[in-house]
């Protein structure tokens, strides 16, 4: 369906994950299961942190925010995708596309900044253990968290405004299963220079800054751990940041694989859409699994929650 410049676009058509009708229902079942696991896993982490007094520390305060992001981020795209798989209707209203893009970019940006804050928290805990409680006070934790959410949403507002100020007079088919900046900008028939430069400059500066904070923090962390003489001391120090390091590697790995791959004729649009799920759907599901499997305090809190629930049922 092509919409030319004399017609105002009122909706977009989202290209589904597969063009084959026979795989719609298997895809629906698979993604419905993944979404439920994501909600239950991250909800369990939140419940454990809220109910267990031992987990009321800066590290777990930041982890609770990460779990919230991992609930909200797939919720911006997966429900609409599931509906489209069931109804075979791929349309999304213009306003719906604007809101989806805004919240997706905002939540993803917030997670980038939050991972940097979490890395800084681990840096202070391992490199300055005696001053940790003086540096990471409750007030500072709240300020850092509020700043990450504010930065993520303000950054998204900027990109959303300049993306949808463009004139759309080409095809209204978004080459993705959700509204994202690159496929939406590609539909514009006006100059996209400002919108693309904003993504490159603003997104690049903020993203690289967060990445450098995370990377430099872990360089100091690893350097400090290697200076510890006892093997038991090294193991305890590394165990406090191992889960976060895995989450950071998973997040940046899937993001780079999704957005910063070299263009090639071998990459079909359908394959690119499937790869993008690594970033927006699979990672939020894996994060609570990583933290619950590698963190004894979280595992202990979850066991207490489950035991309390069973005792109430009996």
C-alpha atoms as a PDB file:
ATOM      1  CA  UNK A   1       0.000   0.000   0.000  1.00  0.00           C
ATOM      2  CA  UNK A   2       1.637   3.271  -1.099  1.00  0.00           C
ATOM      3  CA  UNK A   3       0.665   6.624   0.301  1.00  0.00           C
ATOM      4  CA  UNK A   4       1.837   9.640  -1.712  1.00  0.00           C
ATOM      5  CA  UNK A   5       2.385  13.230  -0.739  1.00  0.00           C
ATOM      6  CA  UNK A   6      -1.159  14.321  -1.388  1.00  0.00           C
ATOM      7  CA  UNK A   7      -2.428  11.886   1.251  1.00  0.00           C
ATOM      8  CA  UNK A   8      -1.858  12.176   4.985  1.00  0.00           C
ATOM      9  CA  UNK A   9      -0.667   8.939   6.571  1.00  0.00           C
ATOM     10  CA  UNK A  10      -3.004   7.870   9.359  1.00  0.00           C
ATOM     11  CA  UNK A  11      -1.479   4.460   9.990  1.00  0.00           C
ATOM     12  CA  UNK A  12       1.584   2.339   9.323  1.00  0.00           C
ATOM     13  CA  UNK A  13       1.832  -1.295   8.310  1.00  0.00           C
ATOM     14  CA  UNK A  14       4.232  -3.341  10.425  1.00  0.00           C
ATOM     15  CA  UNK A  15       5.994  -6.105   8.520  1.00  0.00           C
ATOM     16  CA  UNK A  16       5.599  -9.289  10.560  1.00  0.00           C
ATOM     17  CA  UNK A  17       8.318 -11.681  11.665  1.00  0.00           C
ATOM     18  CA  UNK A  18       7.472 -14.096   8.903  1.00  0.00           C
ATOM     19  CA  UNK A  19       5.627 -13.946   5.607  1.00  0.00           C
ATOM     20  CA  UNK A  20       4.539 -17.582   5.968  1.00  0.00           C
ATOM     21  CA  UNK A  21       0.956 -17.936   7.303  1.00  0.00           C
ATOM     22  CA  UNK A  22       1.589 -21.441   8.645  1.00  0.00           C
ATOM     23  CA  UNK A  23       4.117 -20.189  11.208  1.00  0.00           C
ATOM     24  CA  UNK A  24       1.904 -17.477  12.706  1.00  0.00           C
ATOM     25  CA  UNK A  25       0.438 -19.646  15.454  1.00  0.00           C
ATOM     26  CA  UNK A  26       3.753 -21.312  16.426  1.00  0.00           C
ATOM     27  CA  UNK A  27       5.319 -17.836  16.625  1.00  0.00           C
ATOM     28  CA  UNK A  28       2.395 -16.611  18.733  1.00  0.00           C
ATOM     29  CA  UNK A  29       2.805 -19.504  21.195  1.00  0.00           C
ATOM     30  CA  UNK A  30       6.585 -19.048  21.373  1.00  0.00           C
ATOM     31  CA  UNK A  31       6.497 -15.294  21.985  1.00  0.00           C
ATOM     32  CA  UNK A  32       3.561 -15.502  24.372  1.00  0.00           C
ATOM     33  CA  UNK A  33       5.596 -17.987  26.438  1.00  0.00           C
ATOM     34  CA  UNK A  34       8.732 -15.808  26.297  1.00  0.00           C
ATOM     35  CA  UNK A  35       6.725 -12.748  27.341  1.00  0.00           C
ATOM     36  CA  UNK A  36       5.147 -14.593  30.273  1.00  0.00           C
ATOM     37  CA  UNK A  37       8.550 -15.882  31.420  1.00  0.00           C
ATOM     38  CA  UNK A  38       9.873 -12.307  31.213  1.00  0.00           C
ATOM     39  CA  UNK A  39       7.018 -10.919  33.313  1.00  0.00           C
ATOM     40  CA  UNK A  40       7.171 -13.706  35.902  1.00  0.00           C
ATOM     41  CA  UNK A  41      10.978 -13.678  36.156  1.00  0.00           C
ATOM     42  CA  UNK A  42      11.355  -9.933  36.542  1.00  0.00           C
ATOM     43  CA  UNK A  43       8.283  -9.749  38.769  1.00  0.00           C
ATOM     44  CA  UNK A  44       9.845 -12.393  41.042  1.00  0.00           C
ATOM     45  CA  UNK A  45      13.062 -10.375  41.278  1.00  0.00           C
ATOM     46  CA  UNK A  46      11.061  -7.274  42.242  1.00  0.00           C
ATOM     47  CA  UNK A  47       9.052  -9.211  44.825  1.00  0.00           C
ATOM     48  CA  UNK A  48      12.202 -10.701  46.347  1.00  0.00           C
ATOM     49  CA  UNK A  49      13.880  -7.290  46.650  1.00  0.00           C
ATOM     50  CA  UNK A  50      10.786  -5.669  48.178  1.00  0.00           C
ATOM     51  CA  UNK A  51      10.133  -8.441  50.725  1.00  0.00           C
ATOM     52  CA  UNK A  52      13.700  -9.348  51.743  1.00  0.00           C
ATOM     53  CA  UNK A  53      15.345  -6.796  54.072  1.00  0.00           C
ATOM     54  CA  UNK A  54      18.859  -8.065  53.234  1.00  0.00           C
ATOM     55  CA  UNK A  55      18.348  -6.967  49.629  1.00  0.00           C
ATOM     56  CA  UNK A  56      17.573  -3.349  50.479  1.00  0.00           C
ATOM     57  CA  UNK A  57      20.990  -2.147  49.363  1.00  0.00           C
ATOM     58  CA  UNK A  58      22.063   0.140  46.472  1.00  0.00           C
ATOM     59  CA  UNK A  59      22.974  -2.804  44.227  1.00  0.00           C
ATOM     60  CA  UNK A  60      19.530  -4.363  44.536  1.00  0.00           C
ATOM     61  CA  UNK A  61      17.814  -0.983  44.331  1.00  0.00           C
ATOM     62  CA  UNK A  62      19.375  -0.582  40.884  1.00  0.00           C
ATOM     63  CA  UNK A  63      18.527  -4.199  40.051  1.00  0.00           C
ATOM     64  CA  UNK A  64      14.864  -3.493  40.865  1.00  0.00           C
ATOM     65  CA  UNK A  65      14.930  -0.637  38.357  1.00  0.00           C
ATOM     66  CA  UNK A  66      16.512  -2.944  35.772  1.00  0.00           C
ATOM     67  CA  UNK A  67      13.729  -5.469  36.336  1.00  0.00           C
ATOM     68  CA  UNK A  68      11.134  -2.723  35.831  1.00  0.00           C
ATOM     69  CA  UNK A  69      12.790  -1.786  32.535  1.00  0.00           C
ATOM     70  CA  UNK A  70      12.861  -5.431  31.483  1.00  0.00           C
ATOM     71  CA  UNK A  71       9.104  -5.588  32.086  1.00  0.00           C
ATOM     72  CA  UNK A  72       8.274  -2.311  30.359  1.00  0.00           C
ATOM     73  CA  UNK A  73      10.568  -2.643  27.325  1.00  0.00           C
ATOM     74  CA  UNK A  74       9.057  -5.815  25.797  1.00  0.00           C
ATOM     75  CA  UNK A  75       5.611  -4.592  26.860  1.00  0.00           C
ATOM     76  CA  UNK A  76       6.028  -1.737  24.372  1.00  0.00           C
ATOM     77  CA  UNK A  77       6.242  -4.143  21.427  1.00  0.00           C
ATOM     78  CA  UNK A  78       5.278  -7.744  22.234  1.00  0.00           C
ATOM     79  CA  UNK A  79       1.520  -7.323  22.981  1.00  0.00           C
ATOM     80  CA  UNK A  80       1.002  -5.546  19.641  1.00  0.00           C
ATOM     81  CA  UNK A  81       3.061  -8.191  17.868  1.00  0.00           C
ATOM     82  CA  UNK A  82       0.997 -10.988  19.451  1.00  0.00           C
ATOM     83  CA  UNK A  83      -2.230  -9.266  18.438  1.00  0.00           C
ATOM     84  CA  UNK A  84      -0.992  -8.934  14.847  1.00  0.00           C
ATOM     85  CA  UNK A  85       0.004 -12.605  14.745  1.00  0.00           C
ATOM     86  CA  UNK A  86      -3.487 -13.638  15.858  1.00  0.00           C
ATOM     87  CA  UNK A  87      -5.551 -11.255  13.742  1.00  0.00           C
ATOM     88  CA  UNK A  88      -3.246 -11.194  10.686  1.00  0.00           C
ATOM     89  CA  UNK A  89      -3.671  -7.407  10.702  1.00  0.00           C
ATOM     90  CA  UNK A  90      -0.330  -5.609  10.649  1.00  0.00           C
ATOM     91  CA  UNK A  91      -1.552  -2.013  10.980  1.00  0.00           C
ATOM     92  CA  UNK A  92      -0.697   0.438  13.750  1.00  0.00           C
ATOM     93  CA  UNK A  93      -2.130   3.952  13.983  1.00  0.00           C
ATOM     94  CA  UNK A  94       0.107   6.970  13.481  1.00  0.00           C
ATOM     95  CA  UNK A  95      -0.283   7.950  17.154  1.00  0.00           C
ATOM     96  CA  UNK A  96       0.281   4.345  18.204  1.00  0.00           C
ATOM     97  CA  UNK A  97       3.523   4.268  16.218  1.00  0.00           C
ATOM     98  CA  UNK A  98       4.664   7.545  17.800  1.00  0.00           C
ATOM     99  CA  UNK A  99       3.985   6.243  21.319  1.00  0.00           C
ATOM    100  CA  UNK A 100       5.593   2.872  20.637  1.00  0.00           C
ATOM    101  CA  UNK A 101       8.765   4.454  19.273  1.00  0.00           C
ATOM    102  CA  UNK A 102       8.907   6.990  22.122  1.00  0.00           C
ATOM    103  CA  UNK A 103       8.608   4.427  24.917  1.00  0.00           C
ATOM    104  CA  UNK A 104      10.878   1.886  23.245  1.00  0.00           C
ATOM    105  CA  UNK A 105      13.707   4.386  22.716  1.00  0.00           C
ATOM    106  CA  UNK A 106      13.159   5.896  26.183  1.00  0.00           C
ATOM    107  CA  UNK A 107      13.292   2.548  27.982  1.00  0.00           C
ATOM    108  CA  UNK A 108      16.269   1.294  25.966  1.00  0.00           C
ATOM    109  CA  UNK A 109      18.146   4.536  26.614  1.00  0.00           C
ATOM    110  CA  UNK A 110      17.349   4.394  30.312  1.00  0.00           C
ATOM    111  CA  UNK A 111      18.732   0.852  30.465  1.00  0.00           C
ATOM    112  CA  UNK A 112      22.005   1.977  28.848  1.00  0.00           C
ATOM    113  CA  UNK A 113      22.425   4.680  31.507  1.00  0.00           C
ATOM    114  CA  UNK A 114      21.305   2.384  34.333  1.00  0.00           C
ATOM    115  CA  UNK A 115      23.877  -0.276  33.405  1.00  0.00           C
ATOM    116  CA  UNK A 116      26.555   2.434  33.609  1.00  0.00           C
ATOM    117  CA  UNK A 117      25.296   3.475  37.070  1.00  0.00           C
ATOM    118  CA  UNK A 118      25.285  -0.172  38.192  1.00  0.00           C
ATOM    119  CA  UNK A 119      28.870  -0.557  36.964  1.00  0.00           C
ATOM    120  CA  UNK A 120      29.871   2.550  38.940  1.00  0.00           C
ATOM    121  CA  UNK A 121      28.153   1.098  42.021  1.00  0.00           C
ATOM    122  CA  UNK A 122      30.200  -2.124  41.705  1.00  0.00           C
ATOM    123  CA  UNK A 123      33.356  -0.042  41.161  1.00  0.00           C
ATOM    124  CA  UNK A 124      32.797   1.833  44.432  1.00  0.00           C
ATOM    125  CA  UNK A 125      31.905  -1.373  46.295  1.00  0.00           C
ATOM    126  CA  UNK A 126      35.041  -3.250  45.225  1.00  0.00           C
ATOM    127  CA  UNK A 127      37.612  -0.459  44.910  1.00  0.00           C
ATOM    128  CA  UNK A 128      36.480   1.600  47.943  1.00  0.00           C
ATOM    129  CA  UNK A 129      34.686  -0.891  50.244  1.00  0.00           C
ATOM    130  CA  UNK A 130      35.261   1.126  53.443  1.00  0.00           C
ATOM    131  CA  UNK A 131      33.773   4.281  51.908  1.00  0.00           C
ATOM    132  CA  UNK A 132      30.954   2.531  50.034  1.00  0.00           C
ATOM    133  CA  UNK A 133      28.153   3.431  52.456  1.00  0.00           C
ATOM    134  CA  UNK A 134      29.361   7.038  52.604  1.00  0.00           C
ATOM    135  CA  UNK A 135      29.443   7.399  48.810  1.00  0.00           C
ATOM    136  CA  UNK A 136      26.383   5.361  47.798  1.00  0.00           C
ATOM    137  CA  UNK A 137      23.884   6.944  50.163  1.00  0.00           C
ATOM    138  CA  UNK A 138      20.138   6.562  49.717  1.00  0.00           C
ATOM    139  CA  UNK A 139      19.854  10.110  48.423  1.00  0.00           C
ATOM    140  CA  UNK A 140      22.616   9.612  45.863  1.00  0.00           C
ATOM    141  CA  UNK A 141      21.080   6.336  44.657  1.00  0.00           C
ATOM    142  CA  UNK A 142      17.742   8.081  44.136  1.00  0.00           C
ATOM    143  CA  UNK A 143      19.450  10.939  42.292  1.00  0.00           C
ATOM    144  CA  UNK A 144      21.382   8.577  40.016  1.00  0.00           C
ATOM    145  CA  UNK A 145      18.284   6.518  39.242  1.00  0.00           C
ATOM    146  CA  UNK A 146      16.109   9.567  38.582  1.00  0.00           C
ATOM    147  CA  UNK A 147      18.820  10.947  36.293  1.00  0.00           C
ATOM    148  CA  UNK A 148      18.922   7.735  34.226  1.00  0.00           C
ATOM    149  CA  UNK A 149      15.149   7.742  33.708  1.00  0.00           C
ATOM    150  CA  UNK A 150      15.086  11.476  32.945  1.00  0.00           C
ATOM    151  CA  UNK A 151      17.979  11.223  30.481  1.00  0.00           C
ATOM    152  CA  UNK A 152      16.402   8.231  28.734  1.00  0.00           C
ATOM    153  CA  UNK A 153      13.006   9.901  28.308  1.00  0.00           C
ATOM    154  CA  UNK A 154      14.367  13.326  27.308  1.00  0.00           C
ATOM    155  CA  UNK A 155      16.655  11.713  24.742  1.00  0.00           C
ATOM    156  CA  UNK A 156      13.703   9.760  23.355  1.00  0.00           C
ATOM    157  CA  UNK A 157      11.499  12.864  23.233  1.00  0.00           C
ATOM    158  CA  UNK A 158      14.117  14.634  21.128  1.00  0.00           C
ATOM    159  CA  UNK A 159      14.407  11.749  18.645  1.00  0.00           C
ATOM    160  CA  UNK A 160      10.640  11.166  18.496  1.00  0.00           C
ATOM    161  CA  UNK A 161       9.864  14.818  17.731  1.00  0.00           C
ATOM    162  CA  UNK A 162      12.419  15.075  14.938  1.00  0.00           C
ATOM    163  CA  UNK A 163      11.475  11.665  13.504  1.00  0.00           C
ATOM    164  CA  UNK A 164       7.774  12.435  13.189  1.00  0.00           C
ATOM    165  CA  UNK A 165       8.300  15.999  11.954  1.00  0.00           C
ATOM    166  CA  UNK A 166       9.342  14.379   8.686  1.00  0.00           C
ATOM    167  CA  UNK A 167       6.955  14.159   5.744  1.00  0.00           C
ATOM    168  CA  UNK A 168       5.866  10.616   4.939  1.00  0.00           C
ATOM    169  CA  UNK A 169       4.809  10.139   1.355  1.00  0.00           C
ATOM    170  CA  UNK A 170       6.435   6.867   0.413  1.00  0.00           C
ATOM    171  CA  UNK A 171       5.193   3.414   1.337  1.00  0.00           C
ATOM    172  CA  UNK A 172       3.712   3.234   4.822  1.00  0.00           C
ATOM    173  CA  UNK A 173       5.173  -0.236   5.384  1.00  0.00           C
ATOM    174  CA  UNK A 174       7.597  -0.240   8.323  1.00  0.00           C
ATOM    175  CA  UNK A 175      10.251  -2.866   7.691  1.00  0.00           C
ATOM    176  CA  UNK A 176      10.143  -4.109  11.277  1.00  0.00           C
ATOM    177  CA  UNK A 177       7.614  -5.699  13.627  1.00  0.00           C
ATOM    178  CA  UNK A 178       7.589  -2.517  15.720  1.00  0.00           C
ATOM    179  CA  UNK A 179       8.147   1.211  15.142  1.00  0.00           C
ATOM    180  CA  UNK A 180      11.837   2.058  15.420  1.00  0.00           C
ATOM    181  CA  UNK A 181      13.764   5.124  14.271  1.00  0.00           C
ATOM    182  CA  UNK A 182      15.675   3.678  11.253  1.00  0.00           C
ATOM    183  CA  UNK A 183      12.717   1.963   9.511  1.00  0.00           C
ATOM    184  CA  UNK A 184      10.371   4.915  10.146  1.00  0.00           C
ATOM    185  CA  UNK A 185      12.904   7.497   8.920  1.00  0.00           C
ATOM    186  CA  UNK A 186      13.407   5.369   5.799  1.00  0.00           C
ATOM    187  CA  UNK A 187       9.775   6.080   4.821  1.00  0.00           C
ATOM    188  CA  UNK A 188      10.275   9.858   4.682  1.00  0.00           C
ATOM    189  CA  UNK A 189      10.213  11.760   1.410  1.00  0.00           C
ATOM    190  CA  UNK A 190      11.686  14.911   3.011  1.00  0.00           C
ATOM    191  CA  UNK A 191      15.273  15.506   4.109  1.00  0.00           C
ATOM    192  CA  UNK A 192      16.234  13.130   6.912  1.00  0.00           C
ATOM    193  CA  UNK A 193      19.608  14.768   7.557  1.00  0.00           C
ATOM    194  CA  UNK A 194      18.697  16.366  10.927  1.00  0.00           C
ATOM    195  CA  UNK A 195      16.963  13.253  12.271  1.00  0.00           C
ATOM    196  CA  UNK A 196      19.846  11.004  11.209  1.00  0.00           C
ATOM    197  CA  UNK A 197      22.498  13.376  12.583  1.00  0.00           C
ATOM    198  CA  UNK A 198      20.653  13.523  15.919  1.00  0.00           C
ATOM    199  CA  UNK A 199      20.762   9.739  16.153  1.00  0.00           C
ATOM    200  CA  UNK A 200      24.431   9.722  15.183  1.00  0.00           C
ATOM    201  CA  UNK A 201      25.632  12.639  17.333  1.00  0.00           C
ATOM    202  CA  UNK A 202      23.335  12.697  20.379  1.00  0.00           C
ATOM    203  CA  UNK A 203      22.823   8.944  20.502  1.00  0.00           C
ATOM    204  CA  UNK A 204      26.516   8.380  19.840  1.00  0.00           C
ATOM    205  CA  UNK A 205      27.729  10.762  22.536  1.00  0.00           C
ATOM    206  CA  UNK A 206      25.331   9.442  25.190  1.00  0.00           C
ATOM    207  CA  UNK A 207      25.809   5.801  24.220  1.00  0.00           C
ATOM    208  CA  UNK A 208      29.598   5.988  24.038  1.00  0.00           C
ATOM    209  CA  UNK A 209      29.753   7.928  27.322  1.00  0.00           C
ATOM    210  CA  UNK A 210      27.678   5.268  29.101  1.00  0.00           C
ATOM    211  CA  UNK A 211      29.750   2.509  27.497  1.00  0.00           C
ATOM    212  CA  UNK A 212      33.017   4.180  28.587  1.00  0.00           C
ATOM    213  CA  UNK A 213      31.778   4.583  32.178  1.00  0.00           C
ATOM    214  CA  UNK A 214      30.825   0.910  32.224  1.00  0.00           C
ATOM    215  CA  UNK A 215      34.056  -0.232  30.576  1.00  0.00           C
ATOM    216  CA  UNK A 216      36.409   1.915  32.680  1.00  0.00           C
ATOM    217  CA  UNK A 217      34.598   0.857  35.870  1.00  0.00           C
ATOM    218  CA  UNK A 218      35.195  -2.799  35.046  1.00  0.00           C
ATOM    219  CA  UNK A 219      38.838  -2.173  34.130  1.00  0.00           C
ATOM    220  CA  UNK A 220      39.378  -0.812  37.644  1.00  0.00           C
ATOM    221  CA  UNK A 221      37.251  -3.577  39.167  1.00  0.00           C
ATOM    222  CA  UNK A 222      39.208  -6.367  37.452  1.00  0.00           C
ATOM    223  CA  UNK A 223      42.514  -4.650  38.288  1.00  0.00           C
ATOM    224  CA  UNK A 224      41.533  -4.462  41.969  1.00  0.00           C
ATOM    225  CA  UNK A 225      40.342  -8.076  42.069  1.00  0.00           C
ATOM    226  CA  UNK A 226      43.617  -9.312  40.534  1.00  0.00           C
ATOM    227  CA  UNK A 227      45.545  -7.556  43.317  1.00  0.00           C
ATOM    228  CA  UNK A 228      43.724  -9.584  45.986  1.00  0.00           C
ATOM    229  CA  UNK A 229      46.117 -12.295  47.191  1.00  0.00           C
ATOM    230  CA  UNK A 230      43.750 -15.003  48.414  1.00  0.00           C
ATOM    231  CA  UNK A 231      41.782 -17.085  45.923  1.00  0.00           C
ATOM    232  CA  UNK A 232      38.740 -16.968  48.203  1.00  0.00           C
ATOM    233  CA  UNK A 233      38.907 -13.167  48.326  1.00  0.00           C
ATOM    234  CA  UNK A 234      39.091 -12.977  44.540  1.00  0.00           C
ATOM    235  CA  UNK A 235      36.117 -15.324  44.222  1.00  0.00           C
ATOM    236  CA  UNK A 236      33.971 -13.311  46.661  1.00  0.00           C
ATOM    237  CA  UNK A 237      34.866 -10.006  45.011  1.00  0.00           C
ATOM    238  CA  UNK A 238      34.149 -11.287  41.518  1.00  0.00           C
ATOM    239  CA  UNK A 239      30.869 -12.913  42.586  1.00  0.00           C
ATOM    240  CA  UNK A 240      29.483  -9.495  43.542  1.00  0.00           C
ATOM    241  CA  UNK A 241      29.759  -8.198  39.969  1.00  0.00           C
ATOM    242  CA  UNK A 242      29.658 -11.367  37.819  1.00  0.00           C
ATOM    243  CA  UNK A 243      25.904 -11.207  37.196  1.00  0.00           C
ATOM    244  CA  UNK A 244      25.996  -7.549  36.193  1.00  0.00           C
ATOM    245  CA  UNK A 245      28.987  -8.148  33.910  1.00  0.00           C
ATOM    246  CA  UNK A 246      27.083 -10.928  32.142  1.00  0.00           C
ATOM    247  CA  UNK A 247      24.036  -8.675  31.720  1.00  0.00           C
ATOM    248  CA  UNK A 248      26.228  -5.865  30.335  1.00  0.00           C
ATOM    249  CA  UNK A 249      27.870  -8.222  27.823  1.00  0.00           C
ATOM    250  CA  UNK A 250      24.469  -9.598  26.803  1.00  0.00           C
ATOM    251  CA  UNK A 251      22.931  -6.132  26.395  1.00  0.00           C
ATOM    252  CA  UNK A 252      25.763  -4.560  24.424  1.00  0.00           C
ATOM    253  CA  UNK A 253      26.380  -7.735  22.438  1.00  0.00           C
ATOM    254  CA  UNK A 254      22.784  -7.992  21.223  1.00  0.00           C
ATOM    255  CA  UNK A 255      22.565  -4.225  20.624  1.00  0.00           C
ATOM    256  CA  UNK A 256      25.720  -4.195  18.500  1.00  0.00           C
ATOM    257  CA  UNK A 257      24.588  -7.299  16.641  1.00  0.00           C
ATOM    258  CA  UNK A 258      21.211  -5.663  15.968  1.00  0.00           C
ATOM    259  CA  UNK A 259      22.216  -2.122  14.990  1.00  0.00           C
ATOM    260  CA  UNK A 260      25.932  -2.060  14.149  1.00  0.00           C
ATOM    261  CA  UNK A 261      26.317  -4.902  11.663  1.00  0.00           C
ATOM    262  CA  UNK A 262      27.917  -4.304   8.256  1.00  0.00           C
ATOM    263  CA  UNK A 263      25.383  -4.082   5.431  1.00  0.00           C
ATOM    264  CA  UNK A 264      25.345  -7.145   3.239  1.00  0.00           C
ATOM    265  CA  UNK A 265      23.164  -8.568   0.527  1.00  0.00           C
ATOM    266  CA  UNK A 266      23.084 -11.818   2.497  1.00  0.00           C
ATOM    267  CA  UNK A 267      20.989 -10.178   5.242  1.00  0.00           C
ATOM    268  CA  UNK A 268      17.354 -10.580   4.315  1.00  0.00           C
ATOM    269  CA  UNK A 269      14.794  -8.221   5.922  1.00  0.00           C
ATOM    270  CA  UNK A 270      13.065 -11.210   7.556  1.00  0.00           C
ATOM    271  CA  UNK A 271      16.344 -12.344   9.113  1.00  0.00           C
ATOM    272  CA  UNK A 272      17.065  -8.815  10.348  1.00  0.00           C
ATOM    273  CA  UNK A 273      13.672  -8.712  12.053  1.00  0.00           C
ATOM    274  CA  UNK A 274      14.373 -11.998  13.788  1.00  0.00           C
ATOM    275  CA  UNK A 275      17.816 -10.791  14.901  1.00  0.00           C
ATOM    276  CA  UNK A 276      16.272  -7.644  16.400  1.00  0.00           C
ATOM    277  CA  UNK A 277      14.369  -9.862  18.832  1.00  0.00           C
ATOM    278  CA  UNK A 278      17.662 -10.629  20.589  1.00  0.00           C
ATOM    279  CA  UNK A 279      17.741  -7.033  21.778  1.00  0.00           C
ATOM    280  CA  UNK A 280      14.090  -6.354  22.549  1.00  0.00           C
ATOM    281  CA  UNK A 281      12.617  -9.695  23.590  1.00  0.00           C
ATOM    282  CA  UNK A 282      15.226 -12.308  24.516  1.00  0.00           C
ATOM    283  CA  UNK A 283      17.540 -10.160  26.683  1.00  0.00           C
ATOM    284  CA  UNK A 284      14.778  -9.032  29.131  1.00  0.00           C
ATOM    285  CA  UNK A 285      13.857 -12.703  29.600  1.00  0.00           C
ATOM    286  CA  UNK A 286      17.451 -13.794  30.319  1.00  0.00           C
ATOM    287  CA  UNK A 287      18.376 -11.024  32.777  1.00  0.00           C
ATOM    288  CA  UNK A 288      16.370 -12.359  35.773  1.00  0.00           C
ATOM    289  CA  UNK A 289      17.590 -15.888  35.015  1.00  0.00           C
ATOM    290  CA  UNK A 290      21.201 -14.683  35.143  1.00  0.00           C
ATOM    291  CA  UNK A 291      20.699 -12.852  38.433  1.00  0.00           C
ATOM    292  CA  UNK A 292      18.741 -15.677  40.080  1.00  0.00           C
ATOM    293  CA  UNK A 293      21.198 -18.400  39.024  1.00  0.00           C
ATOM    294  CA  UNK A 294      24.439 -16.582  39.894  1.00  0.00           C
ATOM    295  CA  UNK A 295      23.392 -14.627  42.972  1.00  0.00           C
ATOM    296  CA  UNK A 296      22.979 -16.607  46.174  1.00  0.00           C
ATOM    297  CA  UNK A 297      21.180 -13.746  47.975  1.00  0.00           C
ATOM    298  CA  UNK A 298      18.568 -13.445  45.229  1.00  0.00           C
ATOM    299  CA  UNK A 299      18.123 -17.231  45.144  1.00  0.00           C
ATOM    300  CA  UNK A 300      17.682 -17.289  48.918  1.00  0.00           C
ATOM    301  CA  UNK A 301      15.114 -14.478  48.801  1.00  0.00           C
ATOM    302  CA  UNK A 302      13.168 -16.189  46.006  1.00  0.00           C
ATOM    303  CA  UNK A 303      13.114 -19.448  47.994  1.00  0.00           C
ATOM    304  CA  UNK A 304      11.723 -17.556  51.002  1.00  0.00           C
ATOM    305  CA  UNK A 305       9.001 -15.998  48.845  1.00  0.00           C
ATOM    306  CA  UNK A 306       8.026 -19.387  47.398  1.00  0.00           C
ATOM    307  CA  UNK A 307       8.102 -21.046  50.827  1.00  0.00           C
ATOM    308  CA  UNK A 308       5.913 -18.285  52.300  1.00  0.00           C
ATOM    309  CA  UNK A 309       3.451 -18.637  49.429  1.00  0.00           C
ATOM    310  CA  UNK A 310       3.217 -22.428  49.925  1.00  0.00           C
ATOM    311  CA  UNK A 311       2.724 -22.059  53.687  1.00  0.00           C
ATOM    312  CA  UNK A 312      -0.137 -19.610  53.073  1.00  0.00           C
ATOM    313  CA  UNK A 313      -1.777 -22.019  50.625  1.00  0.00           C
ATOM    314  CA  UNK A 314      -1.621 -24.826  53.164  1.00  0.00           C
END
